[in-house]
């Protein structure tokens, strides 16, 4: 079992298995269960955890607390760069395909969380891999 608390976004994750989840469902407001292919619960995510869970013992154990610094989402990064969210998502997909770990996402139904280091890596990737067709010089 693995317990992770993200104070910057006030989210608690409890994973009962290392197997990837096959499905996720918000069972009640702020509580998302992840299920394996057989329908067994493999994880629980609690949003606004400090309001819903007694975190005293979790916060006292440094192994459970994951400090990310400032946290970005795809939408906040897209807004900062003046591009569409899909553009950032495609950049992250390309980076991951190139075996570059960027962002954290608990399941496909949850947002991708980006650290400041992730944001710098995305910006660098976009500089090194410009999108779109090359411009053809006008014939004169």
Protein backbone atom coordinates (compact mmCIF):
# COMPACT_ATOMS: atom_id res chain seq x y z
CA UNK A 1 0.00 0.00 0.00
CA UNK A 2 1.24 3.48 -0.84
CA UNK A 3 -0.02 6.74 0.68
CA UNK A 4 0.78 10.12 -0.90
CA UNK A 5 -0.44 13.54 0.21
CA UNK A 6 0.03 16.55 -2.08
CA UNK A 7 -0.33 19.66 0.14
CA UNK A 8 -0.19 22.14 -2.76
CA UNK A 9 -3.40 20.73 -4.21
CA UNK A 10 -4.72 19.23 -0.93
CA UNK A 11 -5.09 15.76 -2.43
CA UNK A 12 -4.59 12.40 -0.70
CA UNK A 13 -3.97 9.22 -2.72
CA UNK A 14 -4.07 5.75 -1.25
CA UNK A 15 -2.98 2.99 -3.62
CA UNK A 16 -3.69 -0.60 -2.59
CA UNK A 17 -2.04 -2.08 -5.66
CA UNK A 18 0.67 -1.20 -8.16
CA UNK A 19 -1.50 -2.56 -10.97
CA UNK A 20 -2.79 0.11 -13.33
CA UNK A 21 -6.39 1.12 -12.87
CA UNK A 22 -8.89 0.12 -15.52
CA UNK A 23 -11.66 2.49 -14.45
CA UNK A 24 -12.28 5.37 -12.05
CA UNK A 25 -15.48 6.67 -10.51
CA UNK A 26 -16.32 9.55 -8.19
CA UNK A 27 -18.37 7.65 -5.61
CA UNK A 28 -19.29 10.75 -3.64
CA UNK A 29 -18.14 14.35 -3.86
CA UNK A 30 -14.35 14.49 -3.56
CA UNK A 31 -13.79 10.71 -3.33
CA UNK A 32 -12.62 8.92 -6.47
CA UNK A 33 -12.18 5.15 -6.47
CA UNK A 34 -9.94 3.44 -9.02
CA UNK A 35 -10.80 -0.13 -10.01
CA UNK A 36 -8.86 -2.91 -11.70
CA UNK A 37 -10.24 -4.95 -14.60
CA UNK A 38 -12.00 -7.31 -12.15
CA UNK A 39 -13.79 -4.42 -10.43
CA UNK A 40 -11.72 -4.44 -7.22
CA UNK A 41 -10.75 -1.09 -5.70
CA UNK A 42 -7.05 -0.43 -6.29
CA UNK A 43 -6.92 3.15 -5.09
CA UNK A 44 -8.74 6.04 -3.47
CA UNK A 45 -8.19 9.72 -4.21
CA UNK A 46 -9.53 12.34 -1.81
CA UNK A 47 -9.80 15.92 -3.05
CA UNK A 48 -9.75 18.69 -0.42
CA UNK A 49 -8.33 16.05 1.90
CA UNK A 50 -7.63 18.42 4.79
CA UNK A 51 -11.38 19.02 5.04
CA UNK A 52 -12.41 15.38 4.69
CA UNK A 53 -9.72 13.23 6.35
CA UNK A 54 -7.74 13.35 9.57
CA UNK A 55 -4.26 13.90 8.14
CA UNK A 56 -2.34 14.23 11.39
CA UNK A 57 -0.43 10.93 11.05
CA UNK A 58 0.00 11.35 7.30
CA UNK A 59 1.54 14.82 7.65
CA UNK A 60 3.90 13.59 10.37
CA UNK A 61 5.44 11.01 8.04
CA UNK A 62 7.73 12.63 5.45
CA UNK A 63 7.48 9.51 3.28
CA UNK A 64 3.80 10.27 2.69
CA UNK A 65 4.03 13.97 1.89
CA UNK A 66 4.95 14.91 -1.68
CA UNK A 67 5.97 18.55 -2.02
CA UNK A 68 5.75 19.79 -5.56
CA UNK A 69 6.28 23.54 -5.13
CA UNK A 70 4.05 25.58 -7.39
CA UNK A 71 1.65 23.30 -9.27
CA UNK A 72 0.41 23.93 -12.79
CA UNK A 73 -2.27 22.21 -14.83
CA UNK A 74 -2.45 21.86 -18.60
CA UNK A 75 -4.97 24.70 -18.72
CA UNK A 76 -2.86 27.11 -16.62
CA UNK A 77 0.26 26.37 -18.68
CA UNK A 78 -1.68 26.76 -21.94
CA UNK A 79 -3.00 30.13 -20.79
CA UNK A 80 0.50 31.26 -19.77
CA UNK A 81 1.93 30.29 -23.17
CA UNK A 82 -1.05 31.61 -25.14
CA UNK A 83 -1.80 28.26 -26.81
CA UNK A 84 -4.63 25.75 -26.65
CA UNK A 85 -4.81 23.02 -24.02
CA UNK A 86 -4.66 20.37 -26.77
CA UNK A 87 -1.28 21.76 -27.84
CA UNK A 88 0.13 21.24 -24.34
CA UNK A 89 -1.42 17.76 -24.11
CA UNK A 90 0.20 16.78 -27.43
CA UNK A 91 3.56 18.14 -26.23
CA UNK A 92 3.32 16.04 -23.05
CA UNK A 93 2.38 12.96 -25.11
CA UNK A 94 5.39 13.49 -27.38
CA UNK A 95 7.71 13.93 -24.41
CA UNK A 96 6.42 10.76 -22.78
CA UNK A 97 6.79 8.88 -26.07
CA UNK A 98 10.44 10.00 -26.02
CA UNK A 99 10.75 8.50 -22.50
CA UNK A 100 10.77 11.88 -20.77
CA UNK A 101 8.76 11.77 -17.56
CA UNK A 102 6.70 14.91 -17.24
CA UNK A 103 3.68 15.61 -15.07
CA UNK A 104 1.77 13.42 -12.66
CA UNK A 105 -1.67 12.03 -13.34
CA UNK A 106 -3.42 9.62 -11.01
CA UNK A 107 -5.75 8.29 -13.72
CA UNK A 108 -6.95 9.32 -17.19
CA UNK A 109 -9.99 10.97 -15.57
CA UNK A 110 -7.83 13.35 -13.50
CA UNK A 111 -5.86 16.42 -14.51
CA UNK A 112 -2.16 16.30 -15.23
CA UNK A 113 -0.27 18.14 -12.49
CA UNK A 114 2.96 19.85 -13.52
CA UNK A 115 5.77 21.05 -11.28
CA UNK A 116 7.89 24.09 -12.09
CA UNK A 117 10.55 21.71 -13.44
CA UNK A 118 7.92 20.07 -15.68
CA UNK A 119 6.86 23.48 -17.00
CA UNK A 120 10.48 24.35 -17.86
CA UNK A 121 10.90 20.98 -19.59
CA UNK A 122 7.70 21.52 -21.65
CA UNK A 123 8.82 25.01 -22.65
CA UNK A 124 12.27 23.71 -23.65
CA UNK A 125 10.73 20.83 -25.65
CA UNK A 126 8.45 23.25 -27.50
CA UNK A 127 11.44 25.46 -28.38
CA UNK A 128 13.38 22.45 -29.69
CA UNK A 129 10.39 20.93 -31.52
CA UNK A 130 8.41 23.71 -33.22
CA UNK A 131 4.97 22.74 -34.44
CA UNK A 132 3.37 23.46 -37.79
CA UNK A 133 4.59 23.48 -41.35
CA UNK A 134 7.85 25.19 -42.22
CA UNK A 135 7.28 28.56 -43.87
CA UNK A 136 8.27 28.77 -47.51
CA UNK A 137 10.21 31.87 -48.49
CA UNK A 138 8.29 34.08 -50.88
CA UNK A 139 9.62 33.93 -54.41
CA UNK A 140 10.74 37.31 -55.63
